[in-house]
Amino acid sequence: MNRKNAVIAVLFVLLLLSSSSSYLAYQQQQRIISLQQETIEKLISASRTRAGTESGTESGTENGTGTERAFEQALNASEGVSVSYANIVAVSSYNNLGVLGKVRVELKDGGGNVLVNTNPFVEPVTQYSVREAVKVAENFTNANCSDKDIVVSFEITGNGNNTATGGTAEVGVVGGPSAGAAITLATIAALEGKGRRVRQDAVVTGTIEEGGRIGKVGAVFDKAVAAEENGIRLFLVPSGQKNLTYYEQKIVEREWEIFGIRILVPKIYYTEKNVDLGKYMQGKMQVAEVSTIDEVVEFMIS
């Protein structure tokens, strides 16, 4: 083999290696992009199914299901016991799709303890968020809980499949601080007692920080889709997160010919796209920004 042929052979091998690397990168990114595209399509098509279910859910959604109302009323009627629920929205670690659930806060006679039900398993960062939420709620209501116990538990009830049609979520772990604002909201309602209820047709996503500030979170787009699919009519996000950025995949195939063999080499790149969540959800779900727990309470407790 002369030098010229050797150089051509080396270049051919390098080209094959480059093509293989590009193809592997394409395969790795395809799943993420497919999920993103499905999310966008769901936003566009959600309004088609909403009309059929809206009339059937209108009477029970705003104030929660009949079972929840009866259970809460029965507990609140007991001396020294107060219970409140708030919706939470998260992202499943199984499929990276948004899931809807609830946080339940029970206030009962005790010794000033904050207890977290760890079924499903609750990560330490979430347990810390619970304690911060209770602290903010106590400051907000000027309550003294030294003779009370606060018990917080979680339930994930829905995912990308609308819970109105029987969707369930596979979530074994509750993690992250993004439910902090919702936990604070439910705790405030429980501390304020009878007659104060959290809207069950609304949800807030955001961390809770010192002084009652609402902190930014991730996956707002996916959470918005899950909220809308599960009948939520008001979606509260941290200040500055109503306008989102996502990346649209573009694939260009280039043809190479070596020794008479034609090879298509895919080139993958991404174009940045901006989304106004309020406009995307217009006519389906109201989206509003909040910066403090005071604003959240104004929107969601009545």
Protein backbone atom coordinates (compact mmCIF):
# COMPACT_ATOMS: atom_id res chain seq x y z
CA MET A 1 0.00 0.00 0.00
CA ASN A 2 1.51 3.31 -1.07
CA ARG A 3 1.49 6.41 1.07
CA LYS A 4 -1.49 7.96 -0.73
CA ASN A 5 -3.69 4.93 -0.16
CA ALA A 6 -2.57 4.75 3.48
CA VAL A 7 -3.60 8.36 4.05
CA ILE A 8 -6.97 7.70 2.40
CA ALA A 9 -7.50 4.62 4.58
CA VAL A 10 -6.68 6.58 7.74
CA LEU A 11 -9.07 9.35 6.73
CA PHE A 12 -11.75 6.75 6.02
CA VAL A 13 -11.32 5.22 9.49
CA LEU A 14 -11.47 8.65 11.13
CA LEU A 15 -14.63 9.44 9.20
CA LEU A 16 -16.24 6.21 10.34
CA LEU A 17 -15.30 6.95 13.95
CA SER A 18 -16.72 10.45 13.65
CA SER A 19 -19.93 9.10 12.14
CA SER A 20 -20.27 6.54 14.92
CA SER A 21 -19.79 9.21 17.59
CA SER A 22 -22.36 11.47 15.98
CA TYR A 23 -24.83 8.60 15.73
CA LEU A 24 -24.36 7.64 19.38
CA ALA A 25 -24.86 11.26 20.44
CA TYR A 26 -27.97 11.35 18.29
CA GLN A 27 -29.39 8.24 19.98
CA GLN A 28 -28.64 9.60 23.47
CA GLN A 29 -30.33 12.92 22.79
CA GLN A 30 -33.29 11.53 20.87
CA ARG A 31 -35.16 10.32 23.93
CA ILE A 32 -34.89 13.71 25.65
CA ILE A 33 -35.99 15.58 22.53
CA SER A 34 -38.88 13.18 21.94
CA LEU A 35 -40.15 13.84 25.45
CA GLN A 36 -39.82 17.57 24.88
CA GLN A 37 -41.73 17.36 21.60
CA GLU A 38 -44.46 15.30 23.26
CA THR A 39 -44.74 17.98 25.95
CA ILE A 40 -45.20 20.71 23.35
CA GLU A 41 -47.78 18.66 21.46
CA LYS A 42 -49.70 18.08 24.68
CA LEU A 43 -49.84 21.81 25.30
CA ILE A 44 -51.34 22.34 21.87
CA SER A 45 -53.84 19.48 22.06
CA ALA A 46 -54.81 19.83 25.72
CA SER A 47 -57.61 22.26 24.96
CA ARG A 48 -59.33 19.66 22.75
CA THR A 49 -59.87 17.28 25.66
CA ARG A 50 -60.40 19.99 28.26
CA ALA A 51 -63.82 20.95 26.92
CA GLY A 52 -65.15 17.43 27.38
CA THR A 53 -64.11 17.12 31.00
CA GLU A 54 -64.54 20.70 32.21
CA SER A 55 -68.28 20.49 32.85
CA GLY A 56 -67.92 17.21 34.72
CA THR A 57 -65.18 18.44 37.05
CA GLU A 58 -66.31 22.01 37.66
CA SER A 59 -68.44 21.33 40.71
CA GLY A 60 -65.85 19.29 42.60
CA THR A 61 -62.46 20.67 41.56
CA GLU A 62 -62.30 24.05 43.24
CA ASN A 63 -62.98 22.81 46.73
CA GLY A 64 -61.53 19.30 46.41
CA THR A 65 -63.28 15.94 46.09
CA GLY A 66 -66.28 15.07 48.22
CA THR A 67 -64.26 12.44 50.09
CA GLU A 68 -61.51 14.91 50.93
CA ARG A 69 -64.01 17.53 52.09
CA ALA A 70 -65.86 15.08 54.32
CA PHE A 71 -62.62 13.71 55.81
CA GLU A 72 -61.21 17.16 56.43
CA GLN A 73 -64.45 18.40 58.00
CA ALA A 74 -64.63 15.37 60.28
CA LEU A 75 -61.07 15.87 61.51
CA ASN A 76 -61.47 19.62 61.92
CA ALA A 77 -64.54 18.98 64.01
CA SER A 78 -62.38 17.07 66.49
CA GLU A 79 -61.06 19.17 69.32
CA GLY A 80 -57.43 20.18 68.84
CA VAL A 81 -57.18 18.82 65.26
CA SER A 82 -56.90 20.82 62.04
CA VAL A 83 -56.19 19.39 58.57
CA SER A 84 -55.42 21.10 55.28
CA TYR A 85 -54.52 19.97 51.76
CA ALA A 86 -52.68 21.68 48.90
CA ASN A 87 -51.76 20.48 45.42
CA ILE A 88 -48.12 19.91 44.57
CA VAL A 89 -46.52 19.35 41.17
CA ALA A 90 -43.21 17.63 40.50
CA VAL A 91 -41.27 15.70 37.86
CA SER A 92 -41.12 11.91 37.88
CA SER A 93 -37.67 10.34 37.97
CA TYR A 94 -39.05 7.45 35.87
CA ASN A 95 -39.92 9.36 32.69
CA ASN A 96 -39.09 13.04 33.35
CA LEU A 97 -42.74 13.98 32.96
CA GLY A 98 -44.67 16.20 35.31
CA VAL A 99 -46.80 14.60 38.04
CA LEU A 100 -49.50 16.05 40.25
CA GLY A 101 -49.99 15.21 43.91
CA LYS A 102 -51.04 16.59 47.27
CA VAL A 103 -49.45 17.61 50.52
CA ARG A 104 -51.49 17.01 53.66
CA VAL A 105 -50.79 18.98 56.83
CA GLU A 106 -52.34 17.88 60.13
CA LEU A 107 -52.15 20.04 63.25
CA LYS A 108 -52.90 18.22 66.51
CA ASP A 109 -52.15 18.40 70.22
CA GLY A 110 -48.55 17.50 70.97
CA GLY A 111 -45.18 18.83 72.02
CA GLY A 112 -44.01 21.17 69.26
CA ASN A 113 -42.78 18.46 66.90
CA VAL A 114 -42.64 18.60 63.10
CA LEU A 115 -43.15 15.09 61.73
CA VAL A 116 -42.80 13.96 58.10
CA ASN A 117 -44.48 10.79 56.84
CA THR A 118 -41.75 9.02 54.85
CA ASN A 119 -44.09 6.79 52.81
CA PRO A 120 -43.37 7.46 49.98
CA PHE A 121 -39.71 8.02 50.83
CA VAL A 122 -38.95 11.72 51.36
CA GLU A 123 -35.42 12.92 50.64
CA PRO A 124 -33.58 14.90 53.36
CA VAL A 125 -33.68 18.11 51.29
CA THR A 126 -37.47 17.87 51.20
CA GLN A 127 -37.62 17.20 54.94
CA TYR A 128 -35.54 20.34 55.49
CA SER A 129 -37.92 22.22 53.20
CA VAL A 130 -40.84 21.04 55.37
CA ARG A 131 -39.24 22.49 58.50
CA GLU A 132 -38.50 25.78 56.76
CA ALA A 133 -42.10 25.88 55.51
CA VAL A 134 -43.45 25.37 59.04
CA LYS A 135 -41.20 28.15 60.36
CA VAL A 136 -42.43 30.59 57.70
CA ALA A 137 -46.06 29.59 58.31
CA GLU A 138 -45.70 30.16 62.06
CA ASN A 139 -44.24 33.62 61.43
CA PHE A 140 -46.96 34.44 58.92
CA THR A 141 -49.78 33.50 61.32
CA ASN A 142 -48.02 34.56 64.55
CA ALA A 143 -48.88 31.10 65.88
CA ASN A 144 -47.25 29.41 68.88
CA CYS A 145 -47.03 25.68 68.17
CA SER A 146 -45.17 24.63 71.31
CA ASP A 147 -48.18 22.53 72.38
CA LYS A 148 -48.96 21.20 68.90
CA ASP A 149 -47.51 18.60 66.55
CA ILE A 150 -47.49 19.23 62.79
CA VAL A 151 -47.62 16.10 60.63
CA VAL A 152 -46.83 16.45 56.92
CA SER A 153 -47.46 13.71 54.36
CA PHE A 154 -47.38 13.47 50.57
CA GLU A 155 -49.40 11.67 47.94
CA ILE A 156 -48.63 11.59 44.22
CA THR A 157 -51.89 11.07 42.37
CA GLY A 158 -51.35 11.78 38.67
CA ASN A 159 -48.90 12.06 35.78
CA GLY A 160 -49.04 12.88 32.08
CA ASN A 161 -52.21 10.76 31.92
CA ASN A 162 -55.11 12.89 33.10
CA THR A 163 -56.23 11.72 36.55
CA ALA A 164 -59.81 12.44 35.50
CA THR A 165 -59.45 9.37 33.25
CA GLY A 166 -57.69 7.22 35.83
CA GLY A 167 -54.03 8.14 35.37
CA THR A 168 -51.61 7.11 38.10
CA ALA A 169 -48.01 8.00 38.80
CA GLU A 170 -45.06 5.73 39.57
CA VAL A 171 -43.18 7.76 42.14
CA GLY A 172 -41.33 6.06 44.95
CA VAL A 173 -39.33 9.07 46.15
CA VAL A 174 -40.36 12.63 46.93
CA GLY A 175 -37.31 14.84 46.51
CA GLY A 176 -36.19 18.41 46.06
CA PRO A 177 -37.36 21.68 47.62
CA SER A 178 -39.80 22.80 44.91
CA ALA A 179 -42.90 21.97 46.98
CA GLY A 180 -41.82 24.34 49.77
CA ALA A 181 -44.30 27.06 48.86
CA ALA A 182 -47.19 24.57 48.69
CA ILE A 183 -46.25 23.04 52.06
CA THR A 184 -46.16 26.51 53.60
CA LEU A 185 -49.57 27.29 52.11
CA ALA A 186 -51.18 24.14 53.53
CA THR A 187 -49.56 24.77 56.93
CA ILE A 188 -50.89 28.33 57.04
CA ALA A 189 -54.42 27.10 56.29
CA ALA A 190 -54.14 24.46 59.04
CA LEU A 191 -52.84 27.01 61.57
CA GLU A 192 -55.55 29.54 60.75
CA GLY A 193 -58.16 26.89 61.39
CA LYS A 194 -61.77 26.37 60.40
CA GLY A 195 -63.15 28.31 57.49
CA ARG A 196 -59.77 28.72 55.77
CA ARG A 197 -59.32 26.47 52.75
CA VAL A 198 -56.71 26.11 50.03
CA ARG A 199 -58.05 26.20 46.47
CA GLN A 200 -57.97 22.72 44.97
CA ASP A 201 -58.10 23.96 41.37
CA ALA A 202 -54.76 25.75 41.79
CA VAL A 203 -51.14 24.82 42.43
CA VAL A 204 -47.92 26.69 43.20
CA THR A 205 -44.40 25.53 42.43
CA GLY A 206 -41.47 27.21 44.16
CA THR A 207 -39.09 26.83 47.06
CA ILE A 208 -39.73 28.61 50.34
CA GLU A 209 -36.93 30.78 51.66
CA GLU A 210 -36.28 32.84 54.75
CA GLY A 211 -38.71 35.72 55.09
CA GLY A 212 -41.34 33.96 52.98
CA ARG A 213 -39.65 34.54 49.63
CA ILE A 214 -40.54 32.15 46.78
CA GLY A 215 -37.43 30.72 45.10
CA LYS A 216 -36.98 29.51 41.54
CA VAL A 217 -37.34 25.87 40.50
CA GLY A 218 -36.65 23.67 37.50
CA ALA A 219 -38.84 21.87 34.94
CA VAL A 220 -41.55 24.53 35.06
CA PHE A 221 -42.67 23.65 31.52
CA ASP A 222 -43.27 19.96 32.37
CA LYS A 223 -45.02 20.87 35.60
CA ALA A 224 -47.33 23.26 33.76
CA VAL A 225 -48.35 20.49 31.35
CA ALA A 226 -49.12 18.08 34.22
CA ALA A 227 -51.11 20.76 36.04
CA GLU A 228 -53.23 21.61 33.00
CA GLU A 229 -53.83 17.96 32.11
CA ASN A 230 -55.10 17.29 35.63
CA GLY A 231 -57.68 20.07 35.63
CA ILE A 232 -55.71 22.83 37.35
CA ARG A 233 -56.98 26.31 36.44
CA LEU A 234 -54.40 28.49 38.21
CA PHE A 235 -50.67 27.78 38.06
CA LEU A 236 -48.37 29.96 40.17
CA VAL A 237 -44.66 30.15 39.35
CA PRO A 238 -41.75 32.03 40.95
CA SER A 239 -41.14 35.55 39.72
CA GLY A 240 -39.27 35.54 36.41
CA GLN A 241 -40.24 31.98 35.41
CA LYS A 242 -43.33 32.66 33.33
CA ASN A 243 -41.09 33.09 30.28
CA LEU A 244 -39.14 29.91 29.58
CA THR A 245 -36.40 28.74 27.24
CA TYR A 246 -36.22 25.35 25.55
CA TYR A 247 -34.10 23.92 22.74
CA GLU A 248 -35.51 22.60 19.47
CA GLN A 249 -33.52 19.87 17.76
CA LYS A 250 -32.40 20.23 14.14
CA ILE A 251 -30.82 17.38 12.15
CA VAL A 252 -28.95 17.88 8.88
CA GLU A 253 -27.60 14.87 6.99
CA ARG A 254 -24.43 15.32 4.94
CA GLU A 255 -23.41 12.81 2.29
CA TRP A 256 -19.82 11.61 2.04
CA GLU A 257 -18.45 9.32 -0.69
CA ILE A 258 -15.28 7.31 -0.16
CA PHE A 259 -14.12 4.52 -2.50
CA GLY A 260 -17.51 4.71 -4.18
CA ILE A 261 -19.36 4.16 -0.91
CA ARG A 262 -21.90 6.83 0.06
CA ILE A 263 -22.29 7.52 3.76
CA LEU A 264 -24.90 9.80 5.36
CA VAL A 265 -23.50 11.56 8.39
CA PRO A 266 -26.10 13.26 10.66
CA LYS A 267 -25.21 16.62 12.15
CA ILE A 268 -27.24 17.59 15.21
CA TYR A 269 -27.67 21.09 16.54
CA TYR A 270 -30.20 22.91 18.72
CA THR A 271 -32.03 26.17 18.24
CA GLU A 272 -32.97 28.17 21.31
CA LYS A 273 -36.70 28.90 21.58
CA ASN A 274 -38.51 31.16 24.04
CA VAL A 275 -41.95 30.30 25.41
CA ASP A 276 -44.38 32.62 27.14
CA LEU A 277 -46.16 30.12 29.39
CA GLY A 278 -49.09 32.46 29.87
CA LYS A 279 -49.74 32.63 26.12
CA TYR A 280 -49.27 28.88 25.69
CA MET A 281 -51.90 28.21 28.34
CA GLN A 282 -54.26 31.02 27.32
CA GLY A 283 -57.84 29.83 27.50
CA LYS A 284 -56.84 26.66 29.35
CA MET A 285 -55.08 27.67 32.56
CA GLN A 286 -54.13 30.98 34.14
CA VAL A 287 -50.41 31.40 34.85
CA ALA A 288 -49.19 34.02 37.32
CA GLU A 289 -45.88 34.89 38.97
CA VAL A 290 -45.43 35.24 42.73
CA SER A 291 -42.46 36.41 44.77
CA THR A 292 -43.67 36.01 48.38
CA ILE A 293 -45.88 33.70 50.40
CA ASP A 294 -48.21 36.66 51.01
CA GLU A 295 -49.00 36.74 47.29
CA VAL A 296 -49.53 32.96 47.22
CA VAL A 297 -51.98 33.16 50.14
CA GLU A 298 -53.89 35.96 48.42
CA PHE A 299 -54.32 33.82 45.30
CA MET A 300 -55.04 30.47 46.93
CA ILE A 301 -56.57 30.66 50.42
CA SER A 302 -60.18 31.66 50.99
